[in-house]
Protein backbone atom coordinates (compact mmCIF):
# COMPACT_ATOMS: atom_id res chain seq x y z
CA MET A 1 8.66 6.96 27.31
CA ILE A 2 7.39 10.54 27.37
CA ILE A 3 4.41 9.63 29.53
CA GLY A 4 6.70 7.79 31.94
CA LEU A 5 9.01 10.81 32.30
CA PHE A 6 6.04 13.08 32.88
CA LEU A 7 4.64 10.85 35.62
CA LEU A 8 8.08 10.65 37.24
CA PHE A 9 8.30 14.44 37.19
CA VAL A 10 4.87 14.83 38.84
CA LEU A 11 5.80 12.27 41.51
CA LEU A 12 9.01 14.08 42.35
CA VAL A 13 7.17 17.41 42.60
CA LEU A 14 4.75 15.87 45.08
CA VAL A 15 7.56 14.26 47.10
CA LEU A 16 9.72 17.38 47.25
CA ALA A 17 7.35 20.31 47.31
CA VAL A 18 4.44 19.15 49.45
CA PRO A 19 6.46 18.36 52.59
CA ALA A 20 8.21 21.73 52.30
CA LEU A 21 4.96 23.65 52.11
CA ARG A 22 2.99 21.65 54.67
CA LYS A 23 3.54 22.59 58.31
CA PRO A 24 4.23 19.42 60.32
CA LEU A 25 1.75 19.85 63.16
CA GLU A 26 2.98 16.85 65.04
CA THR A 27 6.49 18.35 65.36
CA LEU A 28 6.04 22.14 65.25
CA SER A 29 3.00 22.48 67.49
CA LYS A 30 4.41 20.56 70.55
CA PRO A 31 7.63 18.84 71.68
CA ASP A 32 8.17 15.18 72.10
CA GLN A 33 5.71 14.21 74.85
CA THR A 34 7.66 11.12 76.05
CA GLN A 35 10.89 13.05 76.69
CA GLU A 36 9.00 15.85 78.45
CA ALA A 37 7.31 13.38 80.81
CA GLU A 38 10.69 11.81 81.67
CA ASN A 39 12.18 15.22 82.43
CA LEU A 40 9.27 16.07 84.67
CA ARG A 41 9.58 12.74 86.55
CA LEU A 42 13.29 13.31 87.23
CA TYR A 43 12.55 16.87 88.36
CA GLN A 44 9.96 15.67 90.84
CA GLU A 45 12.30 12.96 92.25
CA ARG A 46 15.12 15.43 92.82
CA LEU A 47 12.69 17.93 94.30
CA VAL A 48 11.66 15.25 96.85
CA ASP A 49 15.34 14.69 97.65
CA ILE A 50 15.85 18.41 98.28
CA GLU A 51 12.80 18.54 100.54
CA THR A 52 14.17 15.50 102.49
CA ILE A 53 17.52 17.22 102.95
CA ASN A 54 15.78 20.38 104.07
CA ALA A 55 13.76 18.44 106.65
CA SER A 56 16.95 16.90 108.12
CA GLY A 57 18.26 20.38 108.94
CA GLU A 58 21.74 19.50 107.71
CA VAL A 59 21.91 22.44 105.23
CA SER A 60 20.94 26.07 105.46
CA GLU A 61 17.86 27.60 103.85
CA GLN A 62 20.08 29.56 101.45
CA GLU A 63 21.64 26.31 100.17
CA ILE A 64 18.18 24.72 99.81
CA ALA A 65 17.01 27.73 97.75
CA ALA A 66 20.12 27.51 95.52
CA MET A 67 19.59 23.77 94.91
CA THR A 68 15.93 24.35 94.06
CA LEU A 69 16.83 27.19 91.66
CA GLU A 70 19.44 24.99 89.92
CA LEU A 71 16.88 22.17 89.56
CA ASP A 72 14.34 24.57 88.00
CA ARG A 73 17.00 25.87 85.59
CA GLU A 74 17.91 22.32 84.45
CA LEU A 75 14.23 21.52 83.81
CA LEU A 76 13.82 24.67 81.72
CA VAL A 77 16.94 23.95 79.64
CA ALA A 78 15.80 20.36 79.02
CA SER A 79 12.39 21.54 77.87
CA VAL A 80 13.87 24.11 75.43
CA ASN A 81 16.33 21.62 73.98
CA ASN A 82 13.59 19.06 73.52
CA THR A 83 11.39 21.55 71.64
CA ARG A 84 14.21 22.55 69.27
CA TYR A 85 15.07 18.95 68.58
CA SER A 86 11.48 17.97 67.90
CA GLY A 87 10.65 20.97 65.70
CA GLY A 88 13.54 20.43 63.31
CA PRO A 89 14.70 23.09 60.80
CA GLY A 90 12.44 25.99 59.82
CA ARG A 91 10.24 26.10 56.72
CA LEU A 92 12.50 28.44 54.72
CA PRO A 93 15.56 26.15 54.60
CA LYS A 94 13.38 23.20 53.70
CA LEU A 95 11.64 25.21 50.98
CA MET A 96 14.95 26.34 49.49
CA LEU A 97 16.25 22.78 49.46
CA SER A 98 13.08 21.53 47.80
CA LEU A 99 13.22 24.24 45.11
CA PHE A 100 16.83 23.31 44.37
CA LEU A 101 15.96 19.63 44.05
CA LEU A 102 12.97 20.54 41.89
CA ALA A 103 15.19 22.54 39.52
CA VAL A 104 17.57 19.60 39.25
CA THR A 105 14.64 17.29 38.53
CA VAL A 106 13.34 19.53 35.73
CA SER A 107 16.80 19.71 34.14
CA VAL A 108 17.29 15.96 34.27
CA THR A 109 13.79 15.34 32.90
CA PHE A 110 14.41 17.68 29.96
CA PHE A 111 17.75 16.02 29.26
CA LEU A 112 16.18 12.57 29.27
CA TYR A 113 13.36 13.83 27.03
CA GLN A 114 15.89 15.12 24.54
CA MET A 115 17.89 11.89 24.69
CA TRP A 116 15.05 9.34 24.75
CA GLY A 117 11.94 11.28 23.80
CA ALA A 118 10.84 13.33 20.79
CA GLY A 119 13.70 15.83 20.75
CA ASN A 120 15.07 14.28 17.56
CA GLU A 121 11.72 14.51 15.81
CA VAL A 122 11.22 18.10 16.94
CA ARG A 123 14.57 19.14 15.50
CA ALA A 124 13.89 17.23 12.26
CA THR A 125 10.58 19.06 11.91
CA GLN A 126 12.33 22.39 12.46
CA LEU A 127 14.86 21.63 9.74
CA LEU A 128 12.12 20.61 7.33
CA GLU A 129 10.31 23.88 7.99
CA PHE A 130 13.53 25.81 7.42
CA SER A 131 14.11 23.99 4.12
CA SER A 132 10.70 25.12 2.86
CA GLN A 133 11.71 28.75 3.46
CA ALA A 134 15.40 28.81 2.53
CA GLU A 135 18.23 26.59 1.35
CA LEU A 136 19.75 24.51 4.13
CA THR A 137 23.48 24.57 4.67
CA PRO A 138 25.48 21.39 3.99
CA SER A 139 25.81 20.75 7.73
CA GLU A 140 22.04 21.18 8.18
CA TYR A 141 21.38 18.73 5.35
CA ASP A 142 23.69 16.22 6.99
CA GLU A 143 21.93 16.74 10.32
CA LEU A 144 18.52 16.30 8.67
CA ASP A 145 19.70 13.06 7.06
CA VAL A 146 20.79 11.68 10.42
CA ARG A 147 17.67 12.81 12.26
CA LEU A 148 15.26 11.44 9.64
CA ALA A 149 17.08 8.11 9.66
CA SER A 150 16.87 8.07 13.46
CA ALA A 151 13.15 8.91 13.36
CA VAL A 152 12.49 6.08 10.91
CA ASP A 153 14.43 3.63 13.12
CA LYS A 154 12.58 4.69 16.27
CA HIS A 155 9.16 4.81 14.63
CA PRO A 156 9.08 2.14 11.91
CA ASP A 157 5.27 2.27 11.79
CA ASN A 158 5.18 6.02 11.13
CA MET A 159 4.80 6.30 7.35
CA ASP A 160 5.33 10.07 7.30
CA TRP A 161 8.94 9.85 8.48
CA ALA A 162 9.73 7.11 5.96
CA TYR A 163 8.18 9.16 3.15
CA LEU A 164 10.13 12.29 4.11
CA GLN A 165 13.35 10.32 4.27
CA GLY A 166 12.77 8.95 0.77
CA ARG A 167 11.99 12.39 -0.65
CA LEU A 168 15.13 13.87 0.94
CA LEU A 169 17.34 11.09 -0.40
CA GLU A 170 15.84 11.53 -3.86
CA SER A 171 16.38 15.30 -3.80
CA GLU A 172 20.05 14.66 -2.94
CA GLY A 173 20.46 12.33 -5.91
CA ARG A 174 20.82 9.22 -3.73
CA TYR A 175 18.32 7.36 -5.86
CA GLN A 176 19.13 3.80 -4.83
CA GLU A 177 18.75 4.65 -1.16
CA ALA A 178 15.54 6.51 -1.93
CA ALA A 179 14.19 3.50 -3.83
CA THR A 180 14.96 1.28 -0.82
CA ALA A 181 13.18 3.71 1.50
CA TYR A 182 10.12 3.72 -0.77
CA ALA A 183 10.17 -0.07 -1.02
CA ASN A 184 10.18 -0.36 2.77
CA LEU A 185 7.36 2.13 2.98
CA LEU A 186 5.37 0.26 0.36
CA ALA A 187 5.78 -2.99 2.29
CA GLY A 188 4.15 -1.38 5.31
CA LEU A 189 1.12 0.05 3.51
CA PRO A 190 -2.06 -2.04 3.76
CA PRO A 191 -3.52 -3.24 0.43
CA VAL A 192 -6.71 -1.24 0.94
CA GLN A 193 -4.79 2.04 0.67
CA THR A 194 -4.66 1.80 -3.11
CA ALA A 195 -4.10 5.50 -3.80
CA ASP A 196 -1.16 5.69 -1.36
CA ARG A 197 0.31 2.46 -2.68
CA ALA A 198 0.08 3.73 -6.26
CA ALA A 199 1.82 7.00 -5.33
CA ILE A 200 4.66 5.29 -3.43
CA MET A 201 5.03 2.64 -6.13
CA THR A 202 5.43 5.41 -8.70
CA LEU A 203 8.10 7.16 -6.63
CA MET A 204 9.94 3.85 -6.18
CA VAL A 205 9.95 3.19 -9.92
CA GLN A 206 11.13 6.71 -10.63
CA ALA A 207 14.00 6.42 -8.13
CA ARG A 208 15.07 3.06 -9.56
CA PHE A 209 14.87 4.48 -13.09
CA TYR A 210 17.25 7.31 -12.20
CA ALA A 211 19.49 4.98 -10.20
CA ASN A 212 19.82 2.89 -13.36
CA ASP A 213 21.04 5.89 -15.38
CA GLN A 214 17.52 6.46 -16.74
CA LYS A 215 17.41 3.06 -18.41
CA ALA A 216 14.03 1.36 -18.50
CA SER A 217 13.44 -2.31 -17.85
CA ASP A 218 10.48 -4.64 -18.26
CA GLU A 219 10.40 -5.07 -14.48
CA LEU A 220 10.07 -1.33 -13.90
CA TYR A 221 7.46 -1.04 -16.65
CA GLU A 222 5.43 -3.85 -15.12
CA THR A 223 5.58 -2.17 -11.71
CA ILE A 224 4.38 1.18 -13.01
CA GLN A 225 1.55 -0.57 -14.82
CA GLN A 226 0.51 -2.05 -11.48
CA ALA A 227 0.39 1.47 -10.10
CA LEU A 228 -1.85 2.50 -13.00
CA THR A 229 -4.31 -0.27 -12.24
CA MET A 230 -4.81 1.37 -8.82
CA ALA A 231 -4.75 4.98 -10.06
CA PRO A 232 -5.57 4.94 -13.79
CA HIS A 233 -5.93 8.72 -14.17
CA GLN A 234 -2.97 9.91 -12.10
CA ARG A 235 -0.64 12.10 -14.13
CA LYS A 236 2.71 11.02 -12.70
CA PRO A 237 2.37 7.26 -13.31
CA LEU A 238 0.86 7.93 -16.75
CA GLY A 239 3.82 10.07 -17.77
CA LEU A 240 6.35 7.62 -16.32
CA ALA A 241 4.64 4.64 -17.96
CA GLY A 242 4.84 6.43 -21.32
CA ILE A 243 8.57 7.04 -20.84
CA MET A 244 9.18 3.41 -19.91
CA ALA A 245 7.19 2.12 -22.88
CA TYR A 246 8.98 4.46 -25.29
CA GLU A 247 12.44 3.49 -24.00
CA LEU A 248 11.55 -0.20 -24.36
CA GLY A 249 10.30 0.30 -27.92
CA TYR A 250 6.60 -0.16 -27.07
CA TYR A 251 5.66 2.94 -29.03
CA GLN A 252 1.94 2.32 -29.33
CA GLU A 253 1.67 1.73 -25.58
CA ALA A 254 3.64 4.92 -24.99
CA ILE A 255 1.10 6.80 -27.14
CA ASN A 256 -1.78 5.25 -25.19
CA HIS A 257 -0.33 6.29 -21.82
CA TRP A 258 0.58 9.77 -22.98
CA ARG A 259 -2.81 10.28 -24.59
CA LYS A 260 -4.56 9.70 -21.27
CA LEU A 261 -2.21 12.24 -19.73
CA TRP A 262 -2.43 14.76 -22.56
CA VAL A 263 -6.21 15.08 -22.41
CA GLN A 264 -5.89 16.16 -18.76
CA LEU A 265 -3.34 18.91 -19.35
CA PRO A 266 -4.22 22.54 -19.94
CA ALA A 267 -2.71 24.24 -22.96
CA GLY A 268 0.86 25.19 -22.22
CA MET A 269 4.50 24.14 -22.32
CA GLU A 270 3.90 20.78 -20.62
CA ALA A 271 1.17 19.86 -23.11
CA ARG A 272 3.35 20.90 -26.06
CA SER A 273 6.29 18.88 -24.74
CA LEU A 274 4.05 15.83 -24.41
CA GLU A 275 2.72 16.37 -27.94
CA ASN A 276 6.27 16.23 -29.26
CA GLY A 277 6.86 12.93 -27.45
CA ILE A 278 3.65 11.48 -28.89
CA LYS A 279 4.63 12.54 -32.39
CA ARG A 280 8.08 10.96 -32.02
CA ALA A 281 6.45 7.70 -30.94
CA ALA A 282 4.08 7.94 -33.94
CA GLU A 283 7.03 8.44 -36.26
CA GLN A 284 8.68 5.32 -34.87
CA LEU A 285 5.49 3.37 -35.52
CA ALA A 286 5.22 4.74 -39.04
CA ALA A 287 8.85 3.78 -39.71
CA GLN A 288 8.03 0.22 -38.65
CA GLY A 289 5.03 0.10 -40.96
CA ILE A 290 2.55 -0.32 -38.11
CA ASP A 291 -1.00 0.02 -39.47
CA ALA A 292 -2.99 0.22 -36.22
CA ASP A 293 -3.76 3.01 -33.82
CA VAL A 294 -4.93 2.21 -30.32
CA ASP A 295 -7.32 4.75 -28.85
CA VAL A 296 -7.61 5.73 -25.24
CA GLU A 297 -9.75 2.71 -24.39
CA GLY A 298 -7.20 0.38 -25.98
CA ASN A 299 -9.33 -0.75 -28.94
CA ALA A 300 -7.48 -1.35 -32.19
CA GLU A 301 -8.74 0.43 -35.30
CA ASN A 302 -7.33 -0.36 -38.73
CA ARG A 303 -5.64 2.57 -40.45
CA GLU A 304 -3.96 2.99 -43.78
CA LYS A 305 -0.68 1.07 -43.67
CA GLY A 306 2.26 3.13 -42.52
CA GLU A 307 0.14 5.93 -40.98
CA VAL A 308 -0.73 6.65 -37.37
CA ASP A 309 -3.90 8.55 -36.63
CA LEU A 310 -3.25 11.43 -34.25
CA SER A 311 -6.43 13.33 -35.01
CA TRP A 312 -7.40 12.98 -31.34
CA MET A 313 -4.68 15.50 -30.56
CA THR A 314 -6.96 18.16 -31.99
CA PRO A 315 -8.63 19.77 -28.96
CA ALA A 316 -12.08 18.32 -28.29
CA ARG A 317 -14.81 20.90 -28.90
CA ILE A 318 -18.55 20.67 -29.54
CA GLU A 319 -20.53 23.78 -30.43
CA VAL A 320 -24.23 23.48 -29.59
CA THR A 321 -27.12 25.87 -30.26
CA VAL A 322 -29.99 25.14 -27.87
CA SER A 323 -33.59 26.35 -28.30
CA LEU A 324 -37.10 25.59 -27.00
CA SER A 325 -40.00 24.37 -29.12
CA ASP A 326 -43.23 26.33 -28.89
CA LYS A 327 -44.84 23.55 -26.87
CA THR A 328 -41.94 23.47 -24.42
CA LEU A 329 -41.79 27.24 -24.16
CA ALA A 330 -45.43 27.29 -23.05
CA ALA A 331 -44.81 24.59 -20.44
CA VAL A 332 -41.67 25.82 -18.69
CA ARG A 333 -40.94 28.77 -16.45
CA PRO A 334 -38.28 31.40 -17.26
CA ASN A 335 -36.18 30.51 -14.21
CA ASP A 336 -36.23 26.73 -14.79
CA THR A 337 -32.75 25.19 -14.93
CA VAL A 338 -31.37 24.05 -18.29
CA PHE A 339 -28.48 21.57 -18.56
CA VAL A 340 -26.43 20.96 -21.71
CA LEU A 341 -24.57 17.66 -21.17
CA ALA A 342 -22.13 15.43 -23.07
CA ARG A 343 -21.99 11.78 -21.97
CA LYS A 344 -19.93 8.85 -23.14
CA LEU A 345 -21.83 6.42 -25.34
CA ASP A 346 -22.96 3.45 -23.24
CA GLY A 347 -20.95 4.87 -20.36
CA PRO A 348 -21.67 5.96 -16.81
CA PRO A 349 -24.29 8.65 -16.13
CA MET A 350 -21.64 11.16 -14.98
CA PRO A 351 -21.34 13.80 -17.77
CA LEU A 352 -17.97 14.39 -19.39
CA ALA A 353 -18.90 18.05 -19.92
CA ALA A 354 -21.77 20.18 -18.65
CA GLN A 355 -23.09 23.71 -19.00
CA ARG A 356 -25.81 25.12 -16.72
CA LEU A 357 -28.26 27.77 -17.91
CA VAL A 358 -31.81 29.01 -17.26
CA ALA A 359 -34.74 28.81 -19.68
CA SER A 360 -34.90 32.57 -20.17
CA GLN A 361 -31.41 32.49 -21.79
CA LEU A 362 -32.57 30.30 -24.67
CA PRO A 363 -31.96 30.24 -27.57
CA ILE A 364 -28.21 30.27 -26.96
CA THR A 365 -24.99 28.77 -28.39
CA VAL A 366 -22.58 27.10 -25.98
CA VAL A 367 -19.27 25.25 -26.38
CA LEU A 368 -18.56 21.98 -24.60
CA ASP A 369 -14.85 21.24 -24.17
CA ASP A 370 -12.42 19.84 -21.61
CA SER A 371 -12.79 22.95 -19.43
CA LYS A 372 -16.40 21.94 -18.77
CA ALA A 373 -15.39 18.59 -17.22
CA MET A 374 -17.02 17.70 -13.90
CA VAL A 375 -14.32 15.24 -12.75
CA PRO A 376 -10.55 15.51 -13.47
CA GLY A 377 -9.49 12.99 -16.08
CA MET A 378 -13.06 12.44 -17.33
CA THR A 379 -13.28 14.86 -20.26
CA ILE A 380 -14.81 14.78 -23.73
CA GLY A 381 -11.25 14.80 -25.03
CA SER A 382 -10.76 11.33 -23.58
CA VAL A 383 -13.33 9.76 -25.93
CA ASP A 384 -14.15 9.92 -29.64
CA ASP A 385 -17.97 10.02 -29.54
CA VAL A 386 -20.58 11.29 -27.09
CA THR A 387 -24.30 11.83 -26.70
CA VAL A 388 -25.26 15.49 -26.28
CA THR A 389 -28.41 16.27 -24.29
CA ALA A 390 -30.15 19.58 -23.60
CA ARG A 391 -32.70 19.32 -20.78
CA VAL A 392 -35.03 21.62 -18.86
CA SER A 393 -35.00 20.35 -15.28
CA ARG A 394 -37.95 21.34 -13.08
CA SER A 395 -36.09 19.98 -10.01
CA GLY A 396 -32.79 21.71 -10.79
CA GLN A 397 -31.00 18.34 -10.90
CA PRO A 398 -29.07 17.04 -13.95
CA ILE A 399 -30.62 13.56 -13.69
CA ALA A 400 -33.75 13.27 -15.86
CA GLN A 401 -37.03 13.08 -13.99
CA SER A 402 -40.63 12.72 -15.06
CA GLY A 403 -41.95 16.07 -16.26
CA ASP A 404 -38.62 17.36 -17.60
CA TRP A 405 -38.23 18.43 -21.25
CA GLN A 406 -35.23 17.49 -23.38
CA GLY A 407 -33.64 17.03 -26.78
CA GLN A 408 -30.73 14.74 -27.74
CA VAL A 409 -28.21 14.07 -30.50
CA PHE A 410 -26.36 10.74 -30.55
CA ASN A 411 -22.94 9.69 -31.89
CA VAL A 412 -21.47 13.18 -31.88
CA ARG A 413 -17.76 13.28 -32.72
CA THR A 414 -15.77 15.19 -30.11
CA ARG A 415 -13.38 16.57 -32.76
CA GLY A 416 -13.85 17.93 -36.25
CA ASN A 417 -17.65 18.02 -36.06
CA GLU A 418 -20.07 20.58 -37.44
CA PRO A 419 -21.99 22.85 -35.03
CA LEU A 420 -25.05 21.15 -33.54
CA THR A 421 -28.60 22.41 -33.14
CA ILE A 422 -30.79 20.91 -30.43
CA GLU A 423 -34.43 21.82 -29.93
CA ILE A 424 -35.89 20.85 -26.57
CA SER A 425 -39.24 19.35 -27.47
CA ASP A 426 -39.65 15.92 -25.84
CA ARG A 427 -41.27 15.45 -22.46
CA VAL A 428 -39.60 12.95 -20.12
CA GLN A 429 -42.11 10.28 -19.00
């Protein structure tokens, strides 16, 4: 639509402006040649008639001169009239007319753009920008509602407009409408966009939860669990899944979800609030006489009947003193890189915590905790046991290579352990 209006505008400019600015050589440079030739032929015929009359001697010389003068005057008048007719109006009137028509064209084009083009989307974007800077008035909110709905109708494949409409409806407390908007958006997302699908699915569940007076259902819980399969470490679905499980009486599952979330949170009010929720769920389990605690991986461990183990809520912390053996000290250089790493037992090679040093700093005592995580959500607080490795890397890379020196301690508890001592003495083959 916009491209079509633009092309129409360019065409009208060419049609209106070019003729006004181009001097028409065929009309301004010379009169109509056919009419001029006819005038000349008639002049010559009448001139022959006058000469014939003069030869007959029937009229005086003065009358012959007057007739000839009148014939010359008629030829001159005919020639002037023909030139004016052929030349048409001057350039200035034509230019003024063209400029007027051009102004009308621009106005009409702008009006059509506003009515059929992106004027609605432009105004919606302006209102959204205003809302990020100040509170919109009730009339502006109503206008934004209408314009977002119009943008979604006009551009059903544009996911951004649908998302913004859902967020606006949710912020206004119109949760059922927001849930419908999210559901429509979810239906249009391709399966390969797992992260986006998980985020929209979470928003849809949240809107339906509030629309249902914050009452959980097995259907909503199942949906949020689907979101977690696509984004297992995302905070929002973890928190919402814990709420759903708690409201449905699945207290151990609530603890499992909240534990995965809790280990990602920094110390603060949000972490303390979540701790209180976990403890309430643990109390419900204890009141039911449940004798099993499910850790973050979901493995059941038998506990004393009626007790729930929440020792994992103690912040994960491993204190390590690292030193070099005499043999290693003689083999390494002072500026060689030293890594102190904590990895999950039988897990991926990516460390859960890491500290980088140089050989000249040893011996030294370091602390590995959740702040040393390399990837969000993958912390030593998320597991119970790790392998701690101290390595001198000649290449400067954390992956062991032939010629490196290292020392290791296996099965190290991430909480409640005694300080470790690691001596780097073994050469990597």
